[in-house]
C-alpha atoms as a PDB file:
ATOM      1  CA  MET A   1     209.880  98.302  91.934  1.00  0.00           C
ATOM      2  CA  GLY A   2     211.218  99.671  95.277  1.00  0.00           C
ATOM      3  CA  ALA A   3     214.812 100.003  96.371  1.00  0.00           C
ATOM      4  CA  VAL A   4     216.578  96.723  95.822  1.00  0.00           C
ATOM      5  CA  ALA A   5     219.646  95.649  97.692  1.00  0.00           C
ATOM      6  CA  ILE A   6     222.055  92.745  97.556  1.00  0.00           C
ATOM      7  CA  PRO A   7     224.032  91.575 100.615  1.00  0.00           C
ATOM      8  CA  CYS A   8     227.718  92.237 100.881  1.00  0.00           C
ATOM      9  CA  PRO A   9     229.672  88.974 100.413  1.00  0.00           C
ATOM     10  CA  ARG A  10     231.686  89.661 103.541  1.00  0.00           C
ATOM     11  CA  CYS A  11     229.466  91.340 106.155  1.00  0.00           C
ATOM     12  CA  ARG A  12     226.021  90.672 104.613  1.00  0.00           C
ATOM     13  CA  ALA A  13     225.080  94.397 104.816  1.00  0.00           C
ATOM     14  CA  ASP A  14     222.742  95.656 102.143  1.00  0.00           C
ATOM     15  CA  LEU A  15     224.553  97.062  99.048  1.00  0.00           C
ATOM     16  CA  PRO A  16     222.149  99.548  97.476  1.00  0.00           C
ATOM     17  CA  LEU A  17     222.062  99.205  93.686  1.00  0.00           C
ATOM     18  CA  THR A  18     222.067 102.942  93.301  1.00  0.00           C
ATOM     19  CA  THR A  19     225.748 103.017  94.321  1.00  0.00           C
ATOM     20  CA  ALA A  20     226.690 100.192  91.949  1.00  0.00           C
ATOM     21  CA  GLY A  21     228.756 101.261  88.935  1.00  0.00           C
ATOM     22  CA  GLU A  22     228.851  99.664  85.498  1.00  0.00           C
ATOM     23  CA  GLY A  23     231.166  96.788  86.484  1.00  0.00           C
ATOM     24  CA  ARG A  24     233.331  99.091  88.666  1.00  0.00           C
ATOM     25  CA  PRO A  25     234.034  98.112  92.295  1.00  0.00           C
ATOM     26  CA  PHE A  26     232.532 100.239  95.051  1.00  0.00           C
ATOM     27  CA  PRO A  27     232.992  99.938  98.842  1.00  0.00           C
ATOM     28  CA  CYS A  28     230.511  98.293 101.111  1.00  0.00           C
ATOM     29  CA  PRO A  29     228.923 101.003 103.384  1.00  0.00           C
ATOM     30  CA  ARG A  30     229.667  98.857 106.521  1.00  0.00           C
ATOM     31  CA  CYS A  31     232.908  96.984 106.040  1.00  0.00           C
ATOM     32  CA  HIS A  32     234.308  98.900 103.016  1.00  0.00           C
ATOM     33  CA  THR A  33     235.020  95.723 101.083  1.00  0.00           C
ATOM     34  CA  ALA A  34     235.341  96.485  97.420  1.00  0.00           C
ATOM     35  CA  THR A  35     232.537  94.813  95.547  1.00  0.00           C
ATOM     36  CA  THR A  36     231.628  94.588  91.880  1.00  0.00           C
ATOM     37  CA  LEU A  37     228.054  93.824  90.854  1.00  0.00           C
ATOM     38  CA  ARG A  38     227.011  92.493  87.515  1.00  0.00           C
ATOM     39  CA  LEU A  39     223.284  92.481  87.299  1.00  0.00           C
ATOM     40  CA  TYR A  40     220.759  91.471  84.723  1.00  0.00           C
ATOM     41  CA  PRO A  41     220.122  94.750  82.908  1.00  0.00           C
ATOM     42  CA  THR A  42     216.424  95.040  83.879  1.00  0.00           C
ATOM     43  CA  PHE A  43     216.984  94.085  87.545  1.00  0.00           C
ATOM     44  CA  ALA A  44     217.479  97.607  88.812  1.00  0.00           C
ATOM     45  CA  ARG A  45     215.864  99.519  85.988  1.00  0.00           C
ATOM     46  CA  PRO A  46     212.756  97.694  84.711  1.00  0.00           C
ATOM     47  CA  ASP A  47     211.670 100.884  82.969  1.00  0.00           C
ATOM     48  CA  LEU A  48     214.469 100.322  80.476  1.00  0.00           C
ATOM     49  CA  ALA A  49     213.175  96.845  79.534  1.00  0.00           C
ATOM     50  CA  ASP A  50     212.050  96.708  75.866  1.00  0.00           C
ATOM     51  CA  PRO A  51     210.614  93.338  75.105  1.00  0.00           C
ATOM     52  CA  GLY A  52     210.931  93.874  71.333  1.00  0.00           C
ATOM     53  CA  ALA A  53     208.396  92.978  68.612  1.00  0.00           C
ATOM     54  CA  ASP A  54     205.795  90.239  68.658  1.00  0.00           C
ATOM     55  CA  ALA A  55     206.704  87.040  66.837  1.00  0.00           C
ATOM     56  CA  LEU A  56     204.872  86.619  63.554  1.00  0.00           C
ATOM     57  CA  PRO A  57     204.164  83.283  61.967  1.00  0.00           C
ATOM     58  CA  GLY A  58     207.432  81.968  60.431  1.00  0.00           C
ATOM     59  CA  ASP A  59     209.631  84.214  62.703  1.00  0.00           C
ATOM     60  CA  ALA A  60     212.229  82.738  65.044  1.00  0.00           C
ATOM     61  CA  ALA A  61     210.889  83.169  68.556  1.00  0.00           C
ATOM     62  CA  CYS A  62     212.663  83.792  71.846  1.00  0.00           C
ATOM     63  CA  PHE A  63     213.492  80.624  73.783  1.00  0.00           C
ATOM     64  CA  HIS A  64     211.992  82.050  76.986  1.00  0.00           C
ATOM     65  CA  HIS A  65     209.222  84.113  75.440  1.00  0.00           C
ATOM     66  CA  PRO A  66     207.592  82.269  72.445  1.00  0.00           C
ATOM     67  CA  ASP A  67     205.369  85.239  71.657  1.00  0.00           C
ATOM     68  CA  ARG A  68     208.414  87.582  71.112  1.00  0.00           C
ATOM     69  CA  ARG A  69     210.551  87.747  67.975  1.00  0.00           C
ATOM     70  CA  ALA A  70     214.179  86.584  68.457  1.00  0.00           C
ATOM     71  CA  GLU A  71     216.608  89.391  67.894  1.00  0.00           C
ATOM     72  CA  ALA A  72     219.812  87.800  69.054  1.00  0.00           C
ATOM     73  CA  ILE A  73     221.433  84.451  69.425  1.00  0.00           C
ATOM     74  CA  CYS A  74     223.224  83.526  72.729  1.00  0.00           C
ATOM     75  CA  ASP A  75     226.974  83.271  72.098  1.00  0.00           C
ATOM     76  CA  GLY A  76     227.185  80.735  74.911  1.00  0.00           C
ATOM     77  CA  CYS A  77     224.422  78.132  74.152  1.00  0.00           C
ATOM     78  CA  GLY A  78     222.930  79.325  70.763  1.00  0.00           C
ATOM     79  CA  ARG A  79     219.409  79.934  72.086  1.00  0.00           C
ATOM     80  CA  PHE A  80     217.261  82.585  70.339  1.00  0.00           C
ATOM     81  CA  LEU A  81     216.721  85.651  72.524  1.00  0.00           C
ATOM     82  CA  CYS A  82     214.322  88.535  72.434  1.00  0.00           C
ATOM     83  CA  ARG A  83     215.492  92.004  73.381  1.00  0.00           C
ATOM     84  CA  LEU A  84     214.344  91.487  76.999  1.00  0.00           C
ATOM     85  CA  CYS A  85     216.440  88.314  77.437  1.00  0.00           C
ATOM     86  CA  GLU A  86     219.587  89.492  75.669  1.00  0.00           C
ATOM     87  CA  ILE A  87     222.442  90.409  77.946  1.00  0.00           C
ATOM     88  CA  LYS A  88     225.598  92.079  76.650  1.00  0.00           C
ATOM     89  CA  LEU A  89     228.751  91.224  78.429  1.00  0.00           C
ATOM     90  CA  GLY A  90     232.186  92.022  77.069  1.00  0.00           C
ATOM     91  CA  GLY A  91     231.151  92.130  73.424  1.00  0.00           C
ATOM     92  CA  ARG A  92     229.169  88.884  73.731  1.00  0.00           C
ATOM     93  CA  ARG A  93     225.375  88.387  73.755  1.00  0.00           C
ATOM     94  CA  LEU A  94     224.239  85.911  76.383  1.00  0.00           C
ATOM     95  CA  CYS A  95     221.065  84.390  77.830  1.00  0.00           C
ATOM     96  CA  GLY A  96     220.388  84.468  81.561  1.00  0.00           C
ATOM     97  CA  GLY A  97     221.990  81.047  82.184  1.00  0.00           C
ATOM     98  CA  CYS A  98     225.158  81.696  80.264  1.00  0.00           C
ATOM     99  CA  PHE A  99     225.363  85.163  81.857  1.00  0.00           C
ATOM    100  CA  SER A 100     225.196  83.542  85.296  1.00  0.00           C
ATOM    101  CA  SER A 101     228.008  81.125  84.278  1.00  0.00           C
ATOM    102  CA  ALA A 102     230.069  83.955  82.803  1.00  0.00           C
ATOM    103  CA  THR A 103     229.848  86.009  86.022  1.00  0.00           C
ATOM    104  CA  GLN A 104     231.177  82.921  87.895  1.00  0.00           C
ATOM    105  CA  ALA A 105     234.153  82.801  85.507  1.00  0.00           C
ATOM    106  CA  PRO A 106     236.849  83.884  87.959  1.00  0.00           C
ATOM    107  CA  LEU A 107     236.307  80.617  89.882  1.00  0.00           C
ATOM    108  CA  ALA A 108     236.269  78.609  86.702  1.00  0.00           C
ATOM    109  CA  VAL A 109     239.415  80.281  85.458  1.00  0.00           C
ATOM    110  CA  ARG A 110     241.140  79.589  88.718  1.00  0.00           C
ATOM    111  CA  HIS A 111     240.336  75.857  88.360  1.00  0.00           C
ATOM    112  CA  SER A 112     242.403  75.847  85.174  1.00  0.00           C
ATOM    113  CA  ILE A 113     244.976  78.420  86.237  1.00  0.00           C
ATOM    114  CA  VAL A 114     248.630  77.572  85.648  1.00  0.00           C
ATOM    115  CA  GLN A 115     250.260  76.866  88.948  1.00  0.00           C
ATOM    116  CA  TYR A 116     253.392  78.743  88.381  1.00  0.00           C
ATOM    117  CA  ASP A 117     254.832  77.753  91.764  1.00  0.00           C
ATOM    118  CA  SER A 118     254.776  74.050  90.823  1.00  0.00           C
ATOM    119  CA  LEU A 119     256.005  74.796  87.343  1.00  0.00           C
ATOM    120  CA  ALA A 120     258.967  76.856  88.622  1.00  0.00           C
ATOM    121  CA  LEU A 121     259.894  74.173  91.119  1.00  0.00           C
ATOM    122  CA  ALA A 122     259.686  71.413  88.527  1.00  0.00           C
ATOM    123  CA  MET A 123     261.879  73.435  86.182  1.00  0.00           C
ATOM    124  CA  VAL A 124     264.655  73.568  88.674  1.00  0.00           C
ATOM    125  CA  ALA A 125     264.236  70.391  90.676  1.00  0.00           C
ATOM    126  CA  LEU A 126     263.487  67.694  88.063  1.00  0.00           C
ATOM    127  CA  PRO A 127     266.741  68.182  86.028  1.00  0.00           C
ATOM    128  CA  LEU A 128     268.711  68.069  89.335  1.00  0.00           C
ATOM    129  CA  LEU A 129     267.418  64.552  89.934  1.00  0.00           C
ATOM    130  CA  SER A 130     269.021  63.272  86.732  1.00  0.00           C
ATOM    131  CA  PHE A 131     272.721  63.301  85.891  1.00  0.00           C
ATOM    132  CA  VAL A 132     271.769  63.162  82.187  1.00  0.00           C
ATOM    133  CA  PHE A 133     269.683  66.315  82.265  1.00  0.00           C
ATOM    134  CA  GLY A 134     271.611  68.113  85.053  1.00  0.00           C
ATOM    135  CA  ALA A 135     273.257  70.394  82.513  1.00  0.00           C
ATOM    136  CA  VAL A 136     269.832  71.700  81.453  1.00  0.00           C
ATOM    137  CA  THR A 137     269.695  73.584  84.789  1.00  0.00           C
ATOM    138  CA  LEU A 138     272.024  76.122  83.133  1.00  0.00           C
ATOM    139  CA  PHE A 139     268.892  77.330  81.397  1.00  0.00           C
ATOM    140  CA  THR A 140     266.010  76.116  83.556  1.00  0.00           C
ATOM    141  CA  ALA A 141     267.379  77.541  86.923  1.00  0.00           C
ATOM    142  CA  PRO A 142     267.404  81.185  85.744  1.00  0.00           C
ATOM    143  CA  ALA A 143     264.070  80.656  83.993  1.00  0.00           C
ATOM    144  CA  ALA A 144     262.635  79.260  87.295  1.00  0.00           C
ATOM    145  CA  VAL A 145     263.909  82.376  89.141  1.00  0.00           C
ATOM    146  CA  TRP A 146     262.314  84.613  86.569  1.00  0.00           C
ATOM    147  CA  LEU A 147     259.057  82.656  86.636  1.00  0.00           C
ATOM    148  CA  ALA A 148     258.899  82.789  90.389  1.00  0.00           C
ATOM    149  CA  LEU A 149     259.542  86.530  90.560  1.00  0.00           C
ATOM    150  CA  GLN A 150     257.203  87.308  87.609  1.00  0.00           C
ATOM    151  CA  HIS A 151     254.265  85.345  89.137  1.00  0.00           C
ATOM    152  CA  TRP A 152     254.962  85.892  92.835  1.00  0.00           C
ATOM    153  CA  ARG A 153     251.644  87.712  93.488  1.00  0.00           C
ATOM    154  CA  ARG A 154     249.394  85.654  91.247  1.00  0.00           C
ATOM    155  CA  PRO A 155     246.780  83.371  92.815  1.00  0.00           C
ATOM    156  CA  MET A 156     247.969  79.766  92.870  1.00  0.00           C
ATOM    157  CA  SER A 157     244.678  77.905  92.876  1.00  0.00           C
ATOM    158  CA  VAL A 158     241.062  77.990  94.060  1.00  0.00           C
ATOM    159  CA  LEU A 159     242.129  76.463  97.380  1.00  0.00           C
ATOM    160  CA  PRO A 160     244.364  78.406  99.757  1.00  0.00           C
ATOM    161  CA  ARG A 161     248.008  77.631  99.076  1.00  0.00           C
ATOM    162  CA  THR A 162     251.111  78.792 100.829  1.00  0.00           C
ATOM    163  CA  ARG A 163     254.102  80.176  98.920  1.00  0.00           C
ATOM    164  CA  PHE A 164     256.296  77.268  99.997  1.00  0.00           C
ATOM    165  CA  ARG A 165     256.791  75.890  96.473  1.00  0.00           C
ATOM    166  CA  MET A 166     257.444  79.323  95.015  1.00  0.00           C
ATOM    167  CA  THR A 167     259.928  80.154  97.775  1.00  0.00           C
ATOM    168  CA  LEU A 168     261.638  76.762  97.333  1.00  0.00           C
ATOM    169  CA  ALA A 169     261.783  77.230  93.552  1.00  0.00           C
ATOM    170  CA  LEU A 170     263.240  80.699  93.939  1.00  0.00           C
ATOM    171  CA  ALA A 171     265.825  79.528  96.471  1.00  0.00           C
ATOM    172  CA  LEU A 172     266.900  76.504  94.413  1.00  0.00           C
ATOM    173  CA  GLY A 173     266.888  78.544  91.235  1.00  0.00           C
ATOM    174  CA  VAL A 174     269.216  81.134  92.793  1.00  0.00           C
ATOM    175  CA  LEU A 175     271.520  78.486  94.303  1.00  0.00           C
ATOM    176  CA  VAL A 176     271.817  76.531  91.048  1.00  0.00           C
ATOM    177  CA  THR A 177     272.418  79.734  89.075  1.00  0.00           C
ATOM    178  CA  LEU A 178     275.137  80.846  91.480  1.00  0.00           C
ATOM    179  CA  GLY A 179     276.579  77.352  91.281  1.00  0.00           C
ATOM    180  CA  TRP A 180     276.844  77.645  87.495  1.00  0.00           C
ATOM    181  CA  ILE A 181     278.392  81.103  87.738  1.00  0.00           C
ATOM    182  CA  ALA A 182     280.953  79.755  90.288  1.00  0.00           C
ATOM    183  CA  LEU A 183     281.734  76.782  88.003  1.00  0.00           C
ATOM    184  CA  PHE A 184     282.233  79.000  85.005  1.00  0.00           C
ATOM    185  CA  GLY A 185     284.460  81.288  87.143  1.00  0.00           C
ATOM    186  CA  VAL A 186     286.619  78.409  88.280  1.00  0.00           C
ATOM    187  CA  LEU A 187     286.942  77.055  84.736  1.00  0.00           C
ATOM    188  CA  ALA A 188     287.878  80.524  83.407  1.00  0.00           C
ATOM    189  CA  TYR A 189     290.413  80.901  86.246  1.00  0.00           C
ATOM    190  CA  ALA A 190     291.890  77.427  85.418  1.00  0.00           C
ATOM    191  CA  ILE A 191     292.125  78.266  81.744  1.00  0.00           C
ATOM    192  CA  LEU A 192     293.789  81.657  82.386  1.00  0.00           C
ATOM    193  CA  ALA A 193     296.193  80.081  84.939  1.00  0.00           C
ATOM    194  CA  LYS A 194     297.106  77.302  82.461  1.00  0.00           C
ATOM    195  CA  GLY A 195     297.619  79.887  79.673  1.00  0.00           C
ATOM    196  CA  SER A 196     299.881  82.062  81.804  1.00  0.00           C
ATOM    197  CA  GLY A 197     301.924  78.998  82.973  1.00  0.00           C
ATOM    198  CA  LEU A 198     301.142  79.335  86.606  1.00  0.00           C
END
């Protein structure tokens, strides 16, 4: 097998596999975009491929190679795999299909990511809309401020989103918290003034 290259996701320049680390990002030679490659183990080094033993009658056979004895079970789909088809990823053994799905996991995770901007905004805004639950903002407003500051740099969703909700949640949380502090200050002053007979 000759030199194999994969295009950079940004500028489409060839990324030589010889510069790819074991799951570590490396810069594109043209645009310097940090890229991480996760390749099928025998893609770049076919000389390392060991297909394993031949399947004997009564042995479990590889799903993809019926003449090879199965030596592992895919943790994703349960298929029997020979040594050639087994891919180790993060302590799991996967087949090619599940490996492909696992390497697309960042997108899948972002689909189900908690949208902290919406959560922080709901924590401070929803109780304000109700007189019954307005007092809850004594706890939810500072929590919304903490949540907004803690998760300010996290991705919000797969689709591009502005930080409008997070900024609004932070502003409302600070205003409501300052309002509670002012209210307690006024009450404390009134109690002290009444106690001193002013």
